[in-house]
Amino acid sequence: MPRGSEEQTQNRKEEIIDACDKLYQTLNYNEITLKEISKETTFSRPSIYNYFETKEEIFLGLLNREYRAWASDLRKVGDQDLSGSVDAFADAIAETVEKRLTLLKIQSMNLFEIEEHSRMERLVEYKKAFLSAMDAFLKALKKNFPEMTEEERSQFRYAFFPFMYGIYPYVYPSEKQCRAMDAVGIPYQKTTVREMTRQFICGFLK
């Protein structure tokens, strides 16, 4: 495929992903359809099928983009000299996570269904983006805490990434969930993505 055609195709994919991202800020996952996405683009609904077979593949493309952006931020953390300070490292990582609310929301609320209804090649593309973020995270950890063993870094990774799946629904419970907690007397402490991430990292490394 000529270079110009590749760039045009990628630009059109990005327009579709942008539309999905915009809708996801105000609608829940089930309310978003290919018809709604097409209304936010210059494409008809049938035209979208030239680039994505399902709504889930569009969301997977959005998640792919989010992980690439996060990996880029994590590499910048790895380039810093934080002098082995747990607090400084926790602050730096927490700042990168705070910028990725869409990533946190998708992976905690809709990831299973998205993966199940996406083609294998799309899923592999996403896993590569996920791996790039994981690698960047581990390199940043190794750079700032060289005294940690490979096993200790691995343990931290296997604790941190699953932890990320629970951040969004805890920080942003629905109004219905809050009413249910109030009804049974479950206390809810307001917090932020940044603070939760920072506390987790400090608690693990200190």
C-alpha atoms as a PDB file:
ATOM      1  CA  MET A   1       0.000   0.000   0.000  1.00  0.00           C
ATOM      2  CA  PRO A   2       1.415   3.451  -0.925  1.00  0.00           C
ATOM      3  CA  ARG A   3       2.563   5.581   2.001  1.00  0.00           C
ATOM      4  CA  GLY A   4      -0.097   8.211   1.354  1.00  0.00           C
ATOM      5  CA  SER A   5      -2.808   5.568   1.466  1.00  0.00           C
ATOM      6  CA  GLU A   6      -1.440   4.159   4.742  1.00  0.00           C
ATOM      7  CA  GLU A   7      -1.473   7.611   6.321  1.00  0.00           C
ATOM      8  CA  GLN A   8      -4.995   8.266   5.064  1.00  0.00           C
ATOM      9  CA  THR A   9      -6.204   4.954   6.472  1.00  0.00           C
ATOM     10  CA  GLN A  10      -4.587   5.659   9.832  1.00  0.00           C
ATOM     11  CA  ASN A  11      -6.075   9.161   9.939  1.00  0.00           C
ATOM     12  CA  ARG A  12      -9.526   7.753   9.269  1.00  0.00           C
ATOM     13  CA  LYS A  13      -9.084   5.152  12.004  1.00  0.00           C
ATOM     14  CA  GLU A  14      -8.027   7.894  14.397  1.00  0.00           C
ATOM     15  CA  GLU A  15     -11.118   9.933  13.530  1.00  0.00           C
ATOM     16  CA  ILE A  16     -13.332   6.964  14.358  1.00  0.00           C
ATOM     17  CA  ILE A  17     -11.450   6.287  17.600  1.00  0.00           C
ATOM     18  CA  ASP A  18     -11.680   9.970  18.533  1.00  0.00           C
ATOM     19  CA  ALA A  19     -15.453   9.824  18.065  1.00  0.00           C
ATOM     20  CA  CYS A  20     -15.684   6.746  20.277  1.00  0.00           C
ATOM     21  CA  ASP A  21     -13.551   8.440  22.926  1.00  0.00           C
ATOM     22  CA  LYS A  22     -15.768  11.526  22.868  1.00  0.00           C
ATOM     23  CA  LEU A  23     -18.950   9.496  23.304  1.00  0.00           C
ATOM     24  CA  TYR A  24     -17.425   7.444  26.127  1.00  0.00           C
ATOM     25  CA  GLN A  25     -17.024  10.603  28.185  1.00  0.00           C
ATOM     26  CA  THR A  26     -20.796  11.037  28.492  1.00  0.00           C
ATOM     27  CA  LEU A  27     -22.412   7.698  27.569  1.00  0.00           C
ATOM     28  CA  ASN A  28     -22.009   4.251  29.030  1.00  0.00           C
ATOM     29  CA  TYR A  29     -20.559   1.448  26.966  1.00  0.00           C
ATOM     30  CA  ASN A  30     -23.889  -0.151  26.028  1.00  0.00           C
ATOM     31  CA  GLU A  31     -25.304   3.153  24.772  1.00  0.00           C
ATOM     32  CA  ILE A  32     -22.506   3.582  22.251  1.00  0.00           C
ATOM     33  CA  THR A  33     -23.266   2.020  18.868  1.00  0.00           C
ATOM     34  CA  LEU A  34     -21.661   2.187  15.443  1.00  0.00           C
ATOM     35  CA  LYS A  35     -24.549   4.438  14.425  1.00  0.00           C
ATOM     36  CA  GLU A  36     -23.773   6.879  17.242  1.00  0.00           C
ATOM     37  CA  ILE A  37     -20.068   6.767  16.433  1.00  0.00           C
ATOM     38  CA  SER A  38     -20.745   7.470  12.749  1.00  0.00           C
ATOM     39  CA  LYS A  39     -22.695  10.616  13.699  1.00  0.00           C
ATOM     40  CA  GLU A  40     -19.516  12.025  15.252  1.00  0.00           C
ATOM     41  CA  THR A  41     -17.434  11.362  12.127  1.00  0.00           C
ATOM     42  CA  THR A  42     -17.489  12.132   8.421  1.00  0.00           C
ATOM     43  CA  PHE A  43     -18.266   8.461   7.711  1.00  0.00           C
ATOM     44  CA  SER A  44     -21.477   6.558   7.260  1.00  0.00           C
ATOM     45  CA  ARG A  45     -21.975   3.499   9.435  1.00  0.00           C
ATOM     46  CA  PRO A  46     -21.262   1.082   6.545  1.00  0.00           C
ATOM     47  CA  SER A  47     -18.014   2.960   5.827  1.00  0.00           C
ATOM     48  CA  ILE A  48     -16.751   2.291   9.344  1.00  0.00           C
ATOM     49  CA  TYR A  49     -16.696  -1.426   8.533  1.00  0.00           C
ATOM     50  CA  ASN A  50     -13.825  -0.709   6.144  1.00  0.00           C
ATOM     51  CA  TYR A  51     -11.669  -0.037   9.223  1.00  0.00           C
ATOM     52  CA  PHE A  52     -13.270  -1.861  12.163  1.00  0.00           C
ATOM     53  CA  GLU A  53     -15.514  -4.918  12.135  1.00  0.00           C
ATOM     54  CA  THR A  54     -17.177  -4.252  15.502  1.00  0.00           C
ATOM     55  CA  LYS A  55     -17.698  -1.560  18.092  1.00  0.00           C
ATOM     56  CA  GLU A  56     -15.429  -3.581  20.341  1.00  0.00           C
ATOM     57  CA  GLU A  57     -12.554  -3.243  17.883  1.00  0.00           C
ATOM     58  CA  ILE A  58     -12.922   0.534  17.977  1.00  0.00           C
ATOM     59  CA  PHE A  59     -12.721   0.456  21.767  1.00  0.00           C
ATOM     60  CA  LEU A  60      -9.717  -1.836  21.518  1.00  0.00           C
ATOM     61  CA  GLY A  61      -8.092   0.717  19.220  1.00  0.00           C
ATOM     62  CA  LEU A  62      -8.796   3.398  21.826  1.00  0.00           C
ATOM     63  CA  LEU A  63      -7.294   1.254  24.549  1.00  0.00           C
ATOM     64  CA  ASN A  64      -4.299   0.529  22.334  1.00  0.00           C
ATOM     65  CA  ARG A  65      -3.738   4.272  21.933  1.00  0.00           C
ATOM     66  CA  GLU A  66      -4.089   4.857  25.662  1.00  0.00           C
ATOM     67  CA  TYR A  67      -1.458   2.233  26.475  1.00  0.00           C
ATOM     68  CA  ARG A  68       0.970   3.657  23.918  1.00  0.00           C
ATOM     69  CA  ALA A  69       0.569   7.108  25.456  1.00  0.00           C
ATOM     70  CA  TRP A  70       1.054   5.699  28.950  1.00  0.00           C
ATOM     71  CA  ALA A  71       4.176   3.814  27.835  1.00  0.00           C
ATOM     72  CA  SER A  72       5.587   7.072  26.495  1.00  0.00           C
ATOM     73  CA  ASP A  73       5.013   8.779  29.855  1.00  0.00           C
ATOM     74  CA  LEU A  74       6.520   5.839  31.718  1.00  0.00           C
ATOM     75  CA  ARG A  75       9.645   6.009  29.587  1.00  0.00           C
ATOM     76  CA  LYS A  76      10.022   9.644  30.614  1.00  0.00           C
ATOM     77  CA  VAL A  77       9.848   8.561  34.261  1.00  0.00           C
ATOM     78  CA  GLY A  78      12.553   6.015  33.496  1.00  0.00           C
ATOM     79  CA  ASP A  79      14.730   8.789  32.090  1.00  0.00           C
ATOM     80  CA  GLN A  80      14.574  10.741  35.352  1.00  0.00           C
ATOM     81  CA  ASP A  81      17.014  10.392  38.218  1.00  0.00           C
ATOM     82  CA  LEU A  82      14.764  10.173  41.256  1.00  0.00           C
ATOM     83  CA  SER A  83      17.664   9.141  43.506  1.00  0.00           C
ATOM     84  CA  GLY A  84      15.907   5.999  44.676  1.00  0.00           C
ATOM     85  CA  SER A  85      13.227   8.021  46.462  1.00  0.00           C
ATOM     86  CA  VAL A  86      10.053   5.964  46.922  1.00  0.00           C
ATOM     87  CA  ASP A  87       7.959   9.110  47.347  1.00  0.00           C
ATOM     88  CA  ALA A  88       9.349  10.732  44.197  1.00  0.00           C
ATOM     89  CA  PHE A  89       8.864   7.535  42.182  1.00  0.00           C
ATOM     90  CA  ALA A  90       5.331   7.087  43.518  1.00  0.00           C
ATOM     91  CA  ASP A  91       4.470  10.693  42.639  1.00  0.00           C
ATOM     92  CA  ALA A  92       5.879  10.322  39.124  1.00  0.00           C
ATOM     93  CA  ILE A  93       4.043   7.072  38.375  1.00  0.00           C
ATOM     94  CA  ALA A  94       0.811   8.335  39.948  1.00  0.00           C
ATOM     95  CA  GLU A  95       0.931  11.379  37.688  1.00  0.00           C
ATOM     96  CA  THR A  96       1.114   9.163  34.590  1.00  0.00           C
ATOM     97  CA  VAL A  97      -1.792   7.000  35.772  1.00  0.00           C
ATOM     98  CA  GLU A  98      -3.934  10.037  36.588  1.00  0.00           C
ATOM     99  CA  LYS A  99      -3.730  11.087  32.923  1.00  0.00           C
ATOM    100  CA  ARG A 100      -5.138   7.759  31.729  1.00  0.00           C
ATOM    101  CA  LEU A 101      -8.694   7.773  33.087  1.00  0.00           C
ATOM    102  CA  THR A 102     -10.085   6.372  29.835  1.00  0.00           C
ATOM    103  CA  LEU A 103      -7.660   3.456  30.040  1.00  0.00           C
ATOM    104  CA  LEU A 104      -8.660   2.760  33.645  1.00  0.00           C
ATOM    105  CA  LYS A 105     -12.358   2.956  32.831  1.00  0.00           C
ATOM    106  CA  ILE A 106     -12.245   0.641  29.818  1.00  0.00           C
ATOM    107  CA  GLN A 107     -10.115  -2.057  31.402  1.00  0.00           C
ATOM    108  CA  SER A 108     -12.120  -2.166  34.622  1.00  0.00           C
ATOM    109  CA  MET A 109     -15.600  -1.949  33.099  1.00  0.00           C
ATOM    110  CA  ASN A 110     -15.576  -3.403  29.580  1.00  0.00           C
ATOM    111  CA  LEU A 111     -12.316  -5.165  28.714  1.00  0.00           C
ATOM    112  CA  PHE A 112     -13.557  -8.769  28.767  1.00  0.00           C
ATOM    113  CA  GLU A 113     -16.375  -8.129  26.312  1.00  0.00           C
ATOM    114  CA  ILE A 114     -14.114  -6.019  24.087  1.00  0.00           C
ATOM    115  CA  GLU A 115     -11.503  -8.751  23.848  1.00  0.00           C
ATOM    116  CA  GLU A 116     -14.092 -11.456  23.209  1.00  0.00           C
ATOM    117  CA  HIS A 117     -15.576  -9.587  20.234  1.00  0.00           C
ATOM    118  CA  SER A 118     -12.363  -8.475  18.530  1.00  0.00           C
ATOM    119  CA  ARG A 119     -10.360 -10.283  15.881  1.00  0.00           C
ATOM    120  CA  MET A 120      -7.163 -11.971  16.990  1.00  0.00           C
ATOM    121  CA  GLU A 121      -4.925  -9.621  15.003  1.00  0.00           C
ATOM    122  CA  ARG A 122      -6.514  -6.604  16.718  1.00  0.00           C
ATOM    123  CA  LEU A 123      -6.124  -8.271  20.080  1.00  0.00           C
ATOM    124  CA  VAL A 124      -2.452  -8.951  19.396  1.00  0.00           C
ATOM    125  CA  GLU A 125      -1.916  -5.274  18.504  1.00  0.00           C
ATOM    126  CA  TYR A 126      -3.430  -4.292  21.842  1.00  0.00           C
ATOM    127  CA  LYS A 127      -1.347  -6.819  23.773  1.00  0.00           C
ATOM    128  CA  LYS A 128       1.795  -5.378  22.179  1.00  0.00           C
ATOM    129  CA  ALA A 129       0.814  -1.900  23.394  1.00  0.00           C
ATOM    130  CA  PHE A 130       0.114  -3.328  26.851  1.00  0.00           C
ATOM    131  CA  LEU A 131       3.510  -5.030  26.852  1.00  0.00           C
ATOM    132  CA  SER A 132       5.271  -1.809  25.889  1.00  0.00           C
ATOM    133  CA  ALA A 133       3.740  -0.097  28.929  1.00  0.00           C
ATOM    134  CA  MET A 134       4.677  -2.987  31.191  1.00  0.00           C
ATOM    135  CA  ASP A 135       8.264  -2.977  29.908  1.00  0.00           C
ATOM    136  CA  ALA A 136       8.535   0.786  30.381  1.00  0.00           C
ATOM    137  CA  PHE A 137       7.204   0.435  33.921  1.00  0.00           C
ATOM    138  CA  LEU A 138       9.748  -2.244  34.797  1.00  0.00           C
ATOM    139  CA  LYS A 139      12.618  -0.245  33.282  1.00  0.00           C
ATOM    140  CA  ALA A 140      11.625   2.801  35.325  1.00  0.00           C
ATOM    141  CA  LEU A 141      11.514   0.632  38.432  1.00  0.00           C
ATOM    142  CA  LYS A 142      14.909  -0.902  37.685  1.00  0.00           C
ATOM    143  CA  LYS A 143      16.455   2.511  36.951  1.00  0.00           C
ATOM    144  CA  ASN A 144      15.328   3.987  40.261  1.00  0.00           C
ATOM    145  CA  PHE A 145      15.672   0.902  42.470  1.00  0.00           C
ATOM    146  CA  PRO A 146      18.602  -1.119  41.094  1.00  0.00           C
ATOM    147  CA  GLU A 147      18.940  -2.945  44.402  1.00  0.00           C
ATOM    148  CA  MET A 148      15.647  -4.743  43.799  1.00  0.00           C
ATOM    149  CA  THR A 149      15.986  -8.294  42.548  1.00  0.00           C
ATOM    150  CA  GLU A 150      14.322  -9.493  39.367  1.00  0.00           C
ATOM    151  CA  GLU A 151      11.879 -11.491  41.477  1.00  0.00           C
ATOM    152  CA  GLU A 152      10.981  -8.442  43.573  1.00  0.00           C
ATOM    153  CA  ARG A 153      10.321  -6.367  40.463  1.00  0.00           C
ATOM    154  CA  SER A 154       8.208  -9.185  39.047  1.00  0.00           C
ATOM    155  CA  GLN A 155       6.189  -9.387  42.273  1.00  0.00           C
ATOM    156  CA  PHE A 156       5.602  -5.654  42.153  1.00  0.00           C
ATOM    157  CA  ARG A 157       4.457  -5.840  38.544  1.00  0.00           C
ATOM    158  CA  TYR A 158       2.015  -8.680  39.269  1.00  0.00           C
ATOM    159  CA  ALA A 159       0.595  -6.678  42.159  1.00  0.00           C
ATOM    160  CA  PHE A 160       0.455  -3.282  40.468  1.00  0.00           C
ATOM    161  CA  PHE A 161      -1.201  -4.089  37.145  1.00  0.00           C
ATOM    162  CA  PRO A 162      -4.163  -5.999  38.658  1.00  0.00           C
ATOM    163  CA  PHE A 163      -4.480  -3.176  41.192  1.00  0.00           C
ATOM    164  CA  MET A 164      -5.036  -0.774  38.299  1.00  0.00           C
ATOM    165  CA  TYR A 165      -8.157  -2.699  37.258  1.00  0.00           C
ATOM    166  CA  GLY A 166      -9.890  -1.680  40.458  1.00  0.00           C
ATOM    167  CA  ILE A 167      -9.006   2.002  40.644  1.00  0.00           C
ATOM    168  CA  TYR A 168     -11.683   3.523  38.415  1.00  0.00           C
ATOM    169  CA  PRO A 169     -14.825   1.952  39.913  1.00  0.00           C
ATOM    170  CA  TYR A 170     -13.533   2.692  43.420  1.00  0.00           C
ATOM    171  CA  VAL A 171     -12.806   6.357  42.724  1.00  0.00           C
ATOM    172  CA  TYR A 172     -15.885   6.873  40.546  1.00  0.00           C
ATOM    173  CA  PRO A 173     -18.757   4.779  41.941  1.00  0.00           C
ATOM    174  CA  SER A 174     -22.116   5.362  40.307  1.00  0.00           C
ATOM    175  CA  GLU A 175     -24.867   7.234  42.105  1.00  0.00           C
ATOM    176  CA  LYS A 176     -26.794   3.957  42.403  1.00  0.00           C
ATOM    177  CA  GLN A 177     -23.794   2.223  43.970  1.00  0.00           C
ATOM    178  CA  CYS A 178     -23.408   5.053  46.478  1.00  0.00           C
ATOM    179  CA  ARG A 179     -27.071   4.803  47.475  1.00  0.00           C
ATOM    180  CA  ALA A 180     -26.733   1.045  47.977  1.00  0.00           C
ATOM    181  CA  MET A 181     -23.645   1.523  50.165  1.00  0.00           C
ATOM    182  CA  ASP A 182     -25.475   4.157  52.194  1.00  0.00           C
ATOM    183  CA  ALA A 183     -28.429   1.804  52.618  1.00  0.00           C
ATOM    184  CA  VAL A 184     -26.293  -0.874  54.301  1.00  0.00           C
ATOM    185  CA  GLY A 185     -23.949   1.468  56.123  1.00  0.00           C
ATOM    186  CA  ILE A 186     -20.803   0.894  54.072  1.00  0.00           C
ATOM    187  CA  PRO A 187     -18.580   3.954  54.525  1.00  0.00           C
ATOM    188  CA  TYR A 188     -17.224   5.493  51.344  1.00  0.00           C
ATOM    189  CA  GLN A 189     -14.059   7.524  51.531  1.00  0.00           C
ATOM    190  CA  LYS A 190     -13.566   9.896  48.644  1.00  0.00           C
ATOM    191  CA  THR A 191     -10.150   9.648  47.048  1.00  0.00           C
ATOM    192  CA  THR A 192      -8.410  10.207  43.720  1.00  0.00           C
ATOM    193  CA  VAL A 193      -6.659   8.029  41.179  1.00  0.00           C
ATOM    194  CA  ARG A 194      -3.432   9.807  41.957  1.00  0.00           C
ATOM    195  CA  GLU A 195      -3.669   9.296  45.707  1.00  0.00           C
ATOM    196  CA  MET A 196      -4.669   5.630  45.441  1.00  0.00           C
ATOM    197  CA  THR A 197      -1.773   4.931  43.086  1.00  0.00           C
ATOM    198  CA  ARG A 198       0.673   6.796  45.247  1.00  0.00           C
ATOM    199  CA  GLN A 199      -0.423   4.990  48.419  1.00  0.00           C
ATOM    200  CA  PHE A 200      -0.169   1.599  46.731  1.00  0.00           C
ATOM    201  CA  ILE A 201       3.355   2.183  45.453  1.00  0.00           C
ATOM    202  CA  CYS A 202       4.583   3.617  48.745  1.00  0.00           C
ATOM    203  CA  GLY A 203       2.986   0.783  50.688  1.00  0.00           C
ATOM    204  CA  PHE A 204       4.650  -1.825  48.484  1.00  0.00           C
ATOM    205  CA  LEU A 205       8.120  -0.311  48.234  1.00  0.00           C
ATOM    206  CA  LYS A 206       8.642   1.082  51.705  1.00  0.00           C
END
